[in-house]
Amino acid sequence: MIALFPGSFDPFTNGHLDVAERVCAIADRLIIGVGANPTKRGLIAPEERVRLIREATGHLGGVEVVLLQGATMDEASRLGATLIVKGVRSSIDVDYEAPQAVFNREIGGVDTWWIPTRPALAHISSSAVRELVGLKKDISRYVPPAIERFLTDNRS
């Protein structure tokens, strides 16, 4: 089984890492797909996110990190993924992800599995980490070391 874990990952958090580790336990291969919205200026450039996620997941076998170019369902097909995985923290995430999962199946022919976030990580989000970075607060407990080093070294 090849699983695609798509997201903006701006930045990649310990919650994302937990999902990746858990998917690696069941998938033959995990592709972490970094989405780039050209209309948004992110905290970390997409190409840099790919590099940092590769470093953060270096301890995992069978992981590939790529930059996504189009719709998730199309990218899943292009990459040979037979499954899309998404982490969900709460019912709000489920409500947001449910229509996308239906379209991925109906139009793209690929199922989406939701991985519930562990309770100890459910409060972590990329947007919260971005806010903490802006406030120059310690983020080391929320992101993998590679991400923490990059964000600390590049604070404005």
N, C-alpha and C. Protein backbone atom coordinates (compact mmCIF):
# COMPACT_ATOMS: atom_id res chain seq x y z
N MET A 1 0.84 -1.18 0.00
CA MET A 1 0.00 0.00 0.00
C MET A 1 0.89 1.25 0.00
N ILE A 2 0.55 2.18 -0.87
CA ILE A 2 1.22 3.47 -0.91
C ILE A 2 0.23 4.50 -0.41
N ALA A 3 0.60 5.22 0.64
CA ALA A 3 -0.27 6.23 1.23
C ALA A 3 0.29 7.61 0.95
N LEU A 4 -0.61 8.53 0.62
CA LEU A 4 -0.25 9.94 0.43
C LEU A 4 -0.77 10.73 1.61
N PHE A 5 0.10 11.45 2.27
CA PHE A 5 -0.25 12.32 3.40
C PHE A 5 -0.05 13.75 2.92
N PRO A 6 -1.12 14.39 2.40
CA PRO A 6 -1.00 15.74 1.86
C PRO A 6 -1.26 16.81 2.91
N GLY A 7 -0.65 17.95 2.73
CA GLY A 7 -0.90 19.08 3.62
C GLY A 7 0.01 20.23 3.27
N SER A 8 -0.25 21.37 3.90
CA SER A 8 0.63 22.51 3.69
C SER A 8 1.86 22.40 4.59
N PHE A 9 1.68 21.83 5.78
CA PHE A 9 2.80 21.58 6.70
C PHE A 9 3.66 22.83 6.90
N ASP A 10 3.00 23.94 7.19
CA ASP A 10 3.70 25.22 7.33
C ASP A 10 3.53 25.78 8.75
N PRO A 11 4.27 25.24 9.71
CA PRO A 11 5.30 24.22 9.62
C PRO A 11 4.78 22.81 9.96
N PHE A 12 5.61 21.82 9.69
CA PHE A 12 5.40 20.42 10.06
C PHE A 12 5.53 20.32 11.57
N THR A 13 4.52 19.76 12.23
CA THR A 13 4.48 19.71 13.69
C THR A 13 4.70 18.30 14.21
N ASN A 14 4.79 18.18 15.52
CA ASN A 14 4.88 16.86 16.14
C ASN A 14 3.60 16.05 15.91
N GLY A 15 2.47 16.73 15.73
CA GLY A 15 1.24 16.03 15.38
C GLY A 15 1.34 15.40 14.01
N HIS A 16 1.89 16.13 13.05
CA HIS A 16 2.11 15.59 11.71
C HIS A 16 3.08 14.41 11.76
N LEU A 17 4.14 14.57 12.53
CA LEU A 17 5.13 13.51 12.65
C LEU A 17 4.51 12.25 13.25
N ASP A 18 3.66 12.40 14.24
CA ASP A 18 2.98 11.26 14.85
C ASP A 18 2.12 10.53 13.82
N VAL A 19 1.39 11.27 13.01
CA VAL A 19 0.57 10.64 11.96
C VAL A 19 1.48 9.88 11.00
N ALA A 20 2.58 10.50 10.57
CA ALA A 20 3.50 9.84 9.64
C ALA A 20 4.06 8.55 10.24
N GLU A 21 4.45 8.59 11.49
CA GLU A 21 4.99 7.39 12.14
C GLU A 21 3.95 6.28 12.21
N ARG A 22 2.73 6.63 12.51
CA ARG A 22 1.66 5.63 12.62
C ARG A 22 1.29 5.05 11.26
N VAL A 23 1.30 5.88 10.22
CA VAL A 23 1.00 5.38 8.87
C VAL A 23 2.12 4.46 8.40
N CYS A 24 3.35 4.78 8.73
CA CYS A 24 4.48 3.93 8.34
C CYS A 24 4.35 2.51 8.89
N ALA A 25 3.64 2.37 9.99
CA ALA A 25 3.44 1.04 10.59
C ALA A 25 2.51 0.16 9.76
N ILE A 26 1.69 0.78 8.88
CA ILE A 26 0.73 -0.02 8.10
C ILE A 26 0.94 0.07 6.59
N ALA A 27 1.65 1.08 6.12
CA ALA A 27 1.84 1.27 4.68
C ALA A 27 3.22 0.77 4.26
N ASP A 28 3.30 0.30 3.02
CA ASP A 28 4.60 -0.09 2.47
C ASP A 28 5.44 1.15 2.18
N ARG A 29 4.75 2.21 1.80
CA ARG A 29 5.44 3.45 1.45
C ARG A 29 4.53 4.62 1.82
N LEU A 30 5.11 5.67 2.36
CA LEU A 30 4.39 6.89 2.69
C LEU A 30 4.99 8.04 1.90
N ILE A 31 4.12 8.74 1.17
CA ILE A 31 4.54 9.94 0.47
C ILE A 31 3.92 11.13 1.20
N ILE A 32 4.76 11.99 1.73
CA ILE A 32 4.29 13.22 2.36
C ILE A 32 4.32 14.28 1.27
N GLY A 33 3.12 14.77 0.93
CA GLY A 33 2.99 15.73 -0.15
C GLY A 33 2.78 17.14 0.37
N VAL A 34 3.73 18.01 0.08
CA VAL A 34 3.67 19.39 0.55
C VAL A 34 2.93 20.22 -0.50
N GLY A 35 1.79 20.75 -0.09
CA GLY A 35 1.01 21.61 -0.98
C GLY A 35 1.49 23.04 -0.88
N ALA A 36 1.46 23.73 -2.01
CA ALA A 36 1.88 25.13 -2.05
C ALA A 36 0.78 25.95 -2.68
N ASN A 37 0.22 26.86 -1.91
CA ASN A 37 -0.80 27.76 -2.42
C ASN A 37 -0.10 29.03 -2.92
N PRO A 38 -0.10 29.26 -4.24
CA PRO A 38 0.63 30.41 -4.77
C PRO A 38 0.05 31.76 -4.34
N THR A 39 -1.18 31.77 -3.84
CA THR A 39 -1.80 33.04 -3.42
C THR A 39 -1.47 33.38 -1.97
N LYS A 40 -0.82 32.46 -1.25
CA LYS A 40 -0.50 32.71 0.15
C LYS A 40 1.00 32.74 0.35
N ARG A 41 1.44 33.66 1.17
CA ARG A 41 2.85 33.69 1.54
C ARG A 41 2.99 32.94 2.85
N GLY A 42 3.66 31.83 2.81
CA GLY A 42 3.81 31.00 4.00
C GLY A 42 4.97 31.44 4.87
N LEU A 43 5.04 30.83 6.03
CA LEU A 43 6.15 31.06 6.95
C LEU A 43 7.44 30.47 6.38
N ILE A 44 7.32 29.30 5.79
CA ILE A 44 8.47 28.59 5.23
C ILE A 44 8.19 28.33 3.75
N ALA A 45 9.14 28.60 2.89
CA ALA A 45 8.98 28.35 1.46
C ALA A 45 8.72 26.85 1.24
N PRO A 46 7.87 26.51 0.27
CA PRO A 46 7.51 25.10 0.04
C PRO A 46 8.72 24.18 -0.15
N GLU A 47 9.70 24.60 -0.93
CA GLU A 47 10.88 23.76 -1.17
C GLU A 47 11.65 23.53 0.13
N GLU A 48 11.68 24.54 0.99
CA GLU A 48 12.36 24.41 2.29
C GLU A 48 11.57 23.47 3.20
N ARG A 49 10.23 23.52 3.14
CA ARG A 49 9.40 22.59 3.90
C ARG A 49 9.71 21.16 3.52
N VAL A 50 9.85 20.90 2.23
CA VAL A 50 10.19 19.55 1.76
C VAL A 50 11.50 19.10 2.39
N ARG A 51 12.51 19.95 2.34
CA ARG A 51 13.82 19.60 2.89
C ARG A 51 13.74 19.33 4.39
N LEU A 52 13.04 20.19 5.11
CA LEU A 52 12.93 20.05 6.57
C LEU A 52 12.14 18.80 6.96
N ILE A 53 11.08 18.50 6.23
CA ILE A 53 10.29 17.30 6.53
C ILE A 53 11.11 16.05 6.25
N ARG A 54 11.91 16.08 5.20
CA ARG A 54 12.81 14.94 4.93
C ARG A 54 13.74 14.72 6.12
N GLU A 55 14.27 15.80 6.65
CA GLU A 55 15.15 15.68 7.81
C GLU A 55 14.39 15.18 9.03
N ALA A 56 13.19 15.70 9.27
CA ALA A 56 12.40 15.33 10.44
C ALA A 56 11.93 13.88 10.39
N THR A 57 11.77 13.32 9.18
CA THR A 57 11.29 11.95 9.04
C THR A 57 12.40 10.98 8.63
N GLY A 58 13.62 11.43 8.71
CA GLY A 58 14.76 10.62 8.28
C GLY A 58 14.88 9.29 9.00
N HIS A 59 14.32 9.19 10.20
CA HIS A 59 14.38 7.95 10.97
C HIS A 59 13.35 6.92 10.52
N LEU A 60 12.46 7.32 9.63
CA LEU A 60 11.40 6.42 9.16
C LEU A 60 11.78 5.81 7.82
N GLY A 61 11.58 4.52 7.70
CA GLY A 61 11.82 3.86 6.42
C GLY A 61 10.63 4.02 5.49
N GLY A 62 10.89 4.06 4.19
CA GLY A 62 9.82 4.09 3.21
C GLY A 62 9.09 5.40 3.09
N VAL A 63 9.72 6.51 3.50
CA VAL A 63 9.07 7.82 3.41
C VAL A 63 9.72 8.64 2.30
N GLU A 64 8.86 9.24 1.49
CA GLU A 64 9.30 10.16 0.44
C GLU A 64 8.56 11.47 0.68
N VAL A 65 9.24 12.58 0.48
CA VAL A 65 8.61 13.89 0.65
C VAL A 65 8.71 14.61 -0.69
N VAL A 66 7.54 15.06 -1.19
CA VAL A 66 7.49 15.70 -2.50
C VAL A 66 6.66 16.97 -2.43
N LEU A 67 6.87 17.82 -3.42
CA LEU A 67 6.06 19.02 -3.58
C LEU A 67 4.88 18.65 -4.48
N LEU A 68 3.66 18.91 -4.02
CA LEU A 68 2.47 18.62 -4.81
C LEU A 68 2.23 19.75 -5.81
N GLN A 69 1.75 19.37 -6.99
CA GLN A 69 1.57 20.35 -8.06
C GLN A 69 0.10 20.65 -8.38
N GLY A 70 -0.81 19.75 -8.03
CA GLY A 70 -2.20 19.93 -8.41
C GLY A 70 -3.15 19.44 -7.34
N ALA A 71 -4.34 19.06 -7.78
CA ALA A 71 -5.36 18.55 -6.86
C ALA A 71 -4.87 17.27 -6.20
N THR A 72 -5.20 17.11 -4.94
CA THR A 72 -4.74 15.95 -4.19
C THR A 72 -5.11 14.65 -4.88
N MET A 73 -6.34 14.54 -5.37
CA MET A 73 -6.77 13.29 -6.01
C MET A 73 -5.94 13.00 -7.27
N ASP A 74 -5.58 14.04 -8.01
CA ASP A 74 -4.75 13.86 -9.20
C ASP A 74 -3.32 13.49 -8.83
N GLU A 75 -2.82 14.12 -7.80
CA GLU A 75 -1.46 13.82 -7.34
C GLU A 75 -1.38 12.40 -6.79
N ALA A 76 -2.43 11.94 -6.10
CA ALA A 76 -2.45 10.56 -5.60
C ALA A 76 -2.31 9.59 -6.76
N SER A 77 -3.06 9.83 -7.82
CA SER A 77 -2.99 8.98 -9.01
C SER A 77 -1.61 9.04 -9.64
N ARG A 78 -1.10 10.24 -9.81
CA ARG A 78 0.23 10.42 -10.44
C ARG A 78 1.32 9.71 -9.66
N LEU A 79 1.21 9.73 -8.33
CA LEU A 79 2.24 9.15 -7.47
C LEU A 79 2.02 7.67 -7.19
N GLY A 80 0.90 7.12 -7.67
CA GLY A 80 0.61 5.70 -7.45
C GLY A 80 0.07 5.40 -6.06
N ALA A 81 -0.43 6.42 -5.38
CA ALA A 81 -0.97 6.21 -4.03
C ALA A 81 -2.34 5.54 -4.11
N THR A 82 -2.56 4.59 -3.26
CA THR A 82 -3.84 3.88 -3.20
C THR A 82 -4.68 4.35 -2.03
N LEU A 83 -4.14 5.29 -1.26
CA LEU A 83 -4.82 5.77 -0.06
C LEU A 83 -4.32 7.18 0.26
N ILE A 84 -5.25 8.03 0.68
CA ILE A 84 -4.89 9.35 1.21
C ILE A 84 -5.11 9.28 2.72
N VAL A 85 -4.17 9.79 3.49
CA VAL A 85 -4.32 9.82 4.95
C VAL A 85 -4.29 11.27 5.42
N LYS A 86 -5.10 11.55 6.41
CA LYS A 86 -5.18 12.89 6.99
C LYS A 86 -5.29 12.74 8.51
N GLY A 87 -4.60 13.57 9.24
CA GLY A 87 -4.76 13.62 10.68
C GLY A 87 -5.95 14.50 11.03
N VAL A 88 -6.74 14.08 12.00
CA VAL A 88 -7.87 14.91 12.45
C VAL A 88 -7.78 15.09 13.96
N ARG A 89 -7.92 16.35 14.39
CA ARG A 89 -7.79 16.68 15.81
C ARG A 89 -9.13 16.73 16.52
N SER A 90 -10.19 17.06 15.78
CA SER A 90 -11.50 17.25 16.41
C SER A 90 -12.59 17.11 15.37
N SER A 91 -13.83 17.27 15.83
CA SER A 91 -14.95 17.20 14.90
C SER A 91 -14.90 18.33 13.88
N ILE A 92 -14.27 19.43 14.21
CA ILE A 92 -14.12 20.53 13.26
C ILE A 92 -13.29 20.07 12.06
N ASP A 93 -12.19 19.36 12.33
CA ASP A 93 -11.37 18.83 11.25
C ASP A 93 -12.16 17.81 10.42
N VAL A 94 -12.93 16.96 11.08
CA VAL A 94 -13.73 15.96 10.37
C VAL A 94 -14.73 16.65 9.46
N ASP A 95 -15.41 17.68 9.97
CA ASP A 95 -16.39 18.41 9.16
C ASP A 95 -15.73 19.03 7.93
N TYR A 96 -14.51 19.52 8.08
CA TYR A 96 -13.78 20.12 6.96
C TYR A 96 -13.32 19.05 5.97
N GLU A 97 -12.82 17.92 6.48
CA GLU A 97 -12.23 16.88 5.65
C GLU A 97 -13.26 15.99 4.95
N ALA A 98 -14.47 15.86 5.52
CA ALA A 98 -15.46 14.91 4.99
C ALA A 98 -15.81 15.16 3.52
N PRO A 99 -16.17 16.39 3.13
CA PRO A 99 -16.49 16.58 1.70
C PRO A 99 -15.30 16.29 0.78
N GLN A 100 -14.11 16.67 1.22
CA GLN A 100 -12.92 16.39 0.41
C GLN A 100 -12.73 14.89 0.23
N ALA A 101 -12.95 14.13 1.30
CA ALA A 101 -12.80 12.67 1.22
C ALA A 101 -13.79 12.07 0.23
N VAL A 102 -15.01 12.60 0.22
CA VAL A 102 -16.03 12.10 -0.72
C VAL A 102 -15.60 12.40 -2.15
N PHE A 103 -15.15 13.62 -2.42
CA PHE A 103 -14.70 13.96 -3.78
C PHE A 103 -13.49 13.13 -4.18
N ASN A 104 -12.56 12.92 -3.24
CA ASN A 104 -11.38 12.10 -3.56
C ASN A 104 -11.81 10.71 -4.01
N ARG A 105 -12.83 10.16 -3.39
CA ARG A 105 -13.32 8.81 -3.73
C ARG A 105 -14.15 8.84 -5.00
N GLU A 106 -15.13 9.75 -5.07
CA GLU A 106 -16.06 9.77 -6.21
C GLU A 106 -15.38 10.18 -7.52
N ILE A 107 -14.53 11.16 -7.45
CA ILE A 107 -13.90 11.68 -8.66
C ILE A 107 -12.52 11.07 -8.89
N GLY A 108 -11.74 10.98 -7.82
CA GLY A 108 -10.37 10.49 -7.95
C GLY A 108 -10.21 9.00 -7.77
N GLY A 109 -11.23 8.32 -7.21
CA GLY A 109 -11.15 6.88 -7.03
C GLY A 109 -10.20 6.44 -5.93
N VAL A 110 -9.88 7.33 -5.01
CA VAL A 110 -8.96 6.98 -3.92
C VAL A 110 -9.63 7.26 -2.57
N ASP A 111 -9.52 6.29 -1.68
CA ASP A 111 -10.10 6.43 -0.35
C ASP A 111 -9.24 7.34 0.52
N THR A 112 -9.88 7.95 1.51
CA THR A 112 -9.20 8.77 2.50
C THR A 112 -9.43 8.15 3.87
N TRP A 113 -8.37 7.93 4.61
CA TRP A 113 -8.47 7.46 5.98
C TRP A 113 -8.05 8.59 6.90
N TRP A 114 -8.80 8.77 7.97
CA TRP A 114 -8.48 9.77 8.97
C TRP A 114 -7.77 9.10 10.13
N ILE A 115 -6.70 9.69 10.55
CA ILE A 115 -5.95 9.20 11.70
C ILE A 115 -6.23 10.16 12.86
N PRO A 116 -6.94 9.69 13.90
CA PRO A 116 -7.22 10.60 15.02
C PRO A 116 -5.93 10.99 15.74
N THR A 117 -5.81 12.25 16.04
CA THR A 117 -4.65 12.75 16.76
C THR A 117 -4.66 12.22 18.19
N ARG A 118 -3.48 11.90 18.67
CA ARG A 118 -3.38 11.50 20.08
C ARG A 118 -3.76 12.70 20.94
N PRO A 119 -4.51 12.46 22.03
CA PRO A 119 -4.97 13.58 22.87
C PRO A 119 -3.86 14.54 23.31
N ALA A 120 -2.69 14.02 23.59
CA ALA A 120 -1.59 14.88 24.05
C ALA A 120 -1.10 15.84 22.96
N LEU A 121 -1.47 15.58 21.70
CA LEU A 121 -1.01 16.42 20.58
C LEU A 121 -2.14 17.21 19.94
N ALA A 122 -3.37 17.03 20.41
CA ALA A 122 -4.54 17.59 19.74
C ALA A 122 -4.58 19.12 19.73
N HIS A 123 -3.87 19.75 20.63
CA HIS A 123 -3.88 21.22 20.67
C HIS A 123 -2.86 21.85 19.73
N ILE A 124 -2.02 21.04 19.12
CA ILE A 124 -0.95 21.56 18.27
C ILE A 124 -1.48 21.75 16.85
N SER A 125 -1.25 22.94 16.32
CA SER A 125 -1.58 23.22 14.92
C SER A 125 -0.47 24.07 14.32
N SER A 126 -0.36 24.01 13.01
CA SER A 126 0.63 24.84 12.33
C SER A 126 0.37 26.32 12.59
N SER A 127 -0.90 26.72 12.58
CA SER A 127 -1.20 28.14 12.79
C SER A 127 -0.82 28.58 14.19
N ALA A 128 -1.02 27.72 15.20
CA ALA A 128 -0.60 28.07 16.56
C ALA A 128 0.92 28.20 16.65
N VAL A 129 1.63 27.30 15.99
CA VAL A 129 3.09 27.37 15.99
C VAL A 129 3.55 28.65 15.29
N ARG A 130 2.92 28.99 14.17
CA ARG A 130 3.29 30.24 13.49
C ARG A 130 3.09 31.44 14.41
N GLU A 131 2.00 31.43 15.15
CA GLU A 131 1.75 32.54 16.09
C GLU A 131 2.82 32.59 17.17
N LEU A 132 3.19 31.43 17.72
CA LEU A 132 4.23 31.39 18.75
C LEU A 132 5.57 31.87 18.20
N VAL A 133 5.88 31.51 16.95
CA VAL A 133 7.11 31.97 16.33
C VAL A 133 7.11 33.49 16.24
N GLY A 134 5.97 34.06 15.83
CA GLY A 134 5.86 35.51 15.74
C GLY A 134 6.03 36.21 17.07
N LEU A 135 5.64 35.51 18.14
CA LEU A 135 5.79 36.06 19.49
C LEU A 135 7.15 35.74 20.11
N LYS A 136 7.99 35.05 19.32
CA LYS A 136 9.33 34.65 19.76
C LYS A 136 9.29 33.75 21.00
N LYS A 137 8.34 32.83 21.03
CA LYS A 137 8.19 31.88 22.13
C LYS A 137 8.86 30.56 21.79
N ASP A 138 9.13 29.76 22.81
CA ASP A 138 9.74 28.45 22.64
C ASP A 138 8.74 27.51 21.98
N ILE A 139 9.14 26.93 20.85
CA ILE A 139 8.26 26.01 20.12
C ILE A 139 8.79 24.58 20.13
N SER A 140 9.85 24.32 20.87
CA SER A 140 10.54 23.04 20.80
C SER A 140 9.66 21.84 21.16
N ARG A 141 8.65 22.03 21.98
CA ARG A 141 7.79 20.88 22.33
C ARG A 141 6.72 20.61 21.29
N TYR A 142 6.59 21.47 20.28
CA TYR A 142 5.51 21.36 19.30
C TYR A 142 5.95 20.91 17.91
N VAL A 143 7.24 21.00 17.64
CA VAL A 143 7.76 20.66 16.31
C VAL A 143 9.00 19.79 16.44
N PRO A 144 9.31 18.99 15.40
CA PRO A 144 10.55 18.21 15.42
C PRO A 144 11.77 19.13 15.48
N PRO A 145 12.88 18.61 15.99
CA PRO A 145 14.09 19.44 16.15
C PRO A 145 14.53 20.18 14.89
N ALA A 146 14.47 19.55 13.72
CA ALA A 146 14.91 20.21 12.49
C ALA A 146 14.07 21.46 12.21
N ILE A 147 12.79 21.37 12.45
CA ILE A 147 11.89 22.50 12.21
C ILE A 147 12.16 23.60 13.25
N GLU A 148 12.33 23.18 14.50
CA GLU A 148 12.59 24.15 15.58
C GLU A 148 13.88 24.92 15.30
N ARG A 149 14.94 24.23 14.89
CA ARG A 149 16.21 24.89 14.60
C ARG A 149 16.02 25.91 13.47
N PHE A 150 15.36 25.49 12.41
CA PHE A 150 15.17 26.38 11.26
C PHE A 150 14.37 27.62 11.68
N LEU A 151 13.25 27.41 12.37
CA LEU A 151 12.41 28.55 12.74
C LEU A 151 13.07 29.47 13.76
N THR A 152 13.84 28.89 14.67
CA THR A 152 14.54 29.72 15.66
C THR A 152 15.65 30.53 14.99
N ASP A 153 16.38 29.88 14.07
CA ASP A 153 17.49 30.56 13.40
C ASP A 153 17.00 31.62 12.42
N ASN A 154 15.76 31.51 11.95
CA ASN A 154 15.27 32.42 10.92
C ASN A 154 14.15 33.33 11.37
N ARG A 155 14.05 33.54 12.67
CA ARG A 155 13.03 34.47 13.19
C ARG A 155 13.36 35.88 12.73
N SER A 156 12.30 36.62 12.39
CA SER A 156 12.57 38.01 11.96
C SER A 156 12.50 38.95 13.13
